C-alpha atoms as a PDB file:
ATOM      1  CA  MET A   1       0.000   0.000   0.000  1.00  0.00           C
ATOM      2  CA  GLU A   2       1.289   3.430  -0.924  1.00  0.00           C
ATOM      3  CA  LYS A   3       2.091   5.777   1.944  1.00  0.00           C
ATOM      4  CA  ARG A   4       0.216   9.052   1.558  1.00  0.00           C
ATOM      5  CA  THR A   5       1.458  12.295   2.999  1.00  0.00           C
ATOM      6  CA  PHE A   6      -0.625  14.844   4.850  1.00  0.00           C
ATOM      7  CA  VAL A   7      -0.511  17.197   1.849  1.00  0.00           C
ATOM      8  CA  ASP A   8      -1.589  14.383  -0.500  1.00  0.00           C
ATOM      9  CA  VAL A   9      -4.596  13.631   1.684  1.00  0.00           C
ATOM     10  CA  LYS A  10      -5.651  17.291   1.839  1.00  0.00           C
ATOM     11  CA  ASN A  11      -5.299  17.625  -1.950  1.00  0.00           C
ATOM     12  CA  ALA A  12      -7.351  14.460  -2.444  1.00  0.00           C
ATOM     13  CA  LEU A  13     -10.090  15.824  -0.188  1.00  0.00           C
ATOM     14  CA  ALA A  14     -10.080  19.118  -2.095  1.00  0.00           C
ATOM     15  CA  ALA A  15     -10.419  17.261  -5.400  1.00  0.00           C
ATOM     16  CA  LYS A  16     -13.258  15.160  -3.982  1.00  0.00           C
ATOM     17  CA  TYR A  17     -15.265  18.169  -2.856  1.00  0.00           C
ATOM     18  CA  GLU A  18     -14.578  20.109  -6.077  1.00  0.00           C
ATOM     19  CA  ARG A  19     -15.969  17.134  -8.015  1.00  0.00           C
ATOM     20  CA  LEU A  20     -19.009  16.893  -5.731  1.00  0.00           C
ATOM     21  CA  SER A  21     -19.724  20.622  -6.071  1.00  0.00           C
ATOM     22  CA  ARG A  22     -19.827  20.202  -9.870  1.00  0.00           C
ATOM     23  CA  LEU A  23     -22.070  17.128  -9.735  1.00  0.00           C
ATOM     24  CA  THR A  24     -24.775  18.189  -7.281  1.00  0.00           C
ATOM     25  CA  SER A  25     -27.825  20.118  -8.423  1.00  0.00           C
ATOM     26  CA  SER A  26     -28.599  21.614  -5.017  1.00  0.00           C
ATOM     27  CA  ALA A  27     -27.390  25.208  -4.712  1.00  0.00           C
ATOM     28  CA  PRO A  28     -26.714  24.988  -0.936  1.00  0.00           C
ATOM     29  CA  LYS A  29     -24.698  21.795  -1.389  1.00  0.00           C
ATOM     30  CA  LYS A  30     -22.738  23.344  -4.279  1.00  0.00           C
ATOM     31  CA  SER A  31     -21.772  26.210  -2.010  1.00  0.00           C
ATOM     32  CA  THR A  32     -20.886  23.936   0.908  1.00  0.00           C
ATOM     33  CA  PHE A  33     -18.774  21.588  -1.214  1.00  0.00           C
ATOM     34  CA  ALA A  34     -16.984  24.488  -2.930  1.00  0.00           C
ATOM     35  CA  HIS A  35     -16.196  26.013   0.464  1.00  0.00           C
ATOM     36  CA  LEU A  36     -14.828  22.689   1.764  1.00  0.00           C
ATOM     37  CA  ALA A  37     -12.688  22.280  -1.364  1.00  0.00           C
ATOM     38  CA  THR A  38     -11.231  25.746  -0.843  1.00  0.00           C
ATOM     39  CA  LYS A  39     -10.584  25.000   2.828  1.00  0.00           C
ATOM     40  CA  TYR A  40      -8.746  21.741   2.113  1.00  0.00           C
ATOM     41  CA  ARG A  41      -6.743  23.312  -0.736  1.00  0.00           C
ATOM     42  CA  ARG A  42      -5.681  26.137   1.601  1.00  0.00           C
ATOM     43  CA  GLN A  43      -4.697  23.635   4.318  1.00  0.00           C
ATOM     44  CA  ALA A  44      -2.595  21.676   1.808  1.00  0.00           C
ATOM     45  CA  GLU A  45      -0.804  24.829   0.665  1.00  0.00           C
ATOM     46  CA  GLN A  46      -0.131  25.889   4.253  1.00  0.00           C
ATOM     47  CA  ALA A  47       1.164  22.431   5.197  1.00  0.00           C
ATOM     48  CA  ALA A  48       3.456  22.399   2.162  1.00  0.00           C
ATOM     49  CA  ARG A  49       4.844  25.813   3.157  1.00  0.00           C
ATOM     50  CA  ASP A  50       5.360  24.617   6.740  1.00  0.00           C
ATOM     51  CA  GLY A  51       7.340  21.634   5.527  1.00  0.00           C
ATOM     52  CA  HIS A  52       4.905  18.791   6.115  1.00  0.00           C
ATOM     53  CA  SER A  53       5.577  15.937   3.776  1.00  0.00           C
END
């Protein structure tokens, strides 16, 4: 099994929620999923800057 880093996991979560925000037809869910994707993307960028692998 491949070892995944913290940044990889956050990027995967961001991709998941970006995909869900495109697929759902509910406006509130689109907004929620887009917000979560942005949050996880920001966390991944911050972790990469802080030196997390």
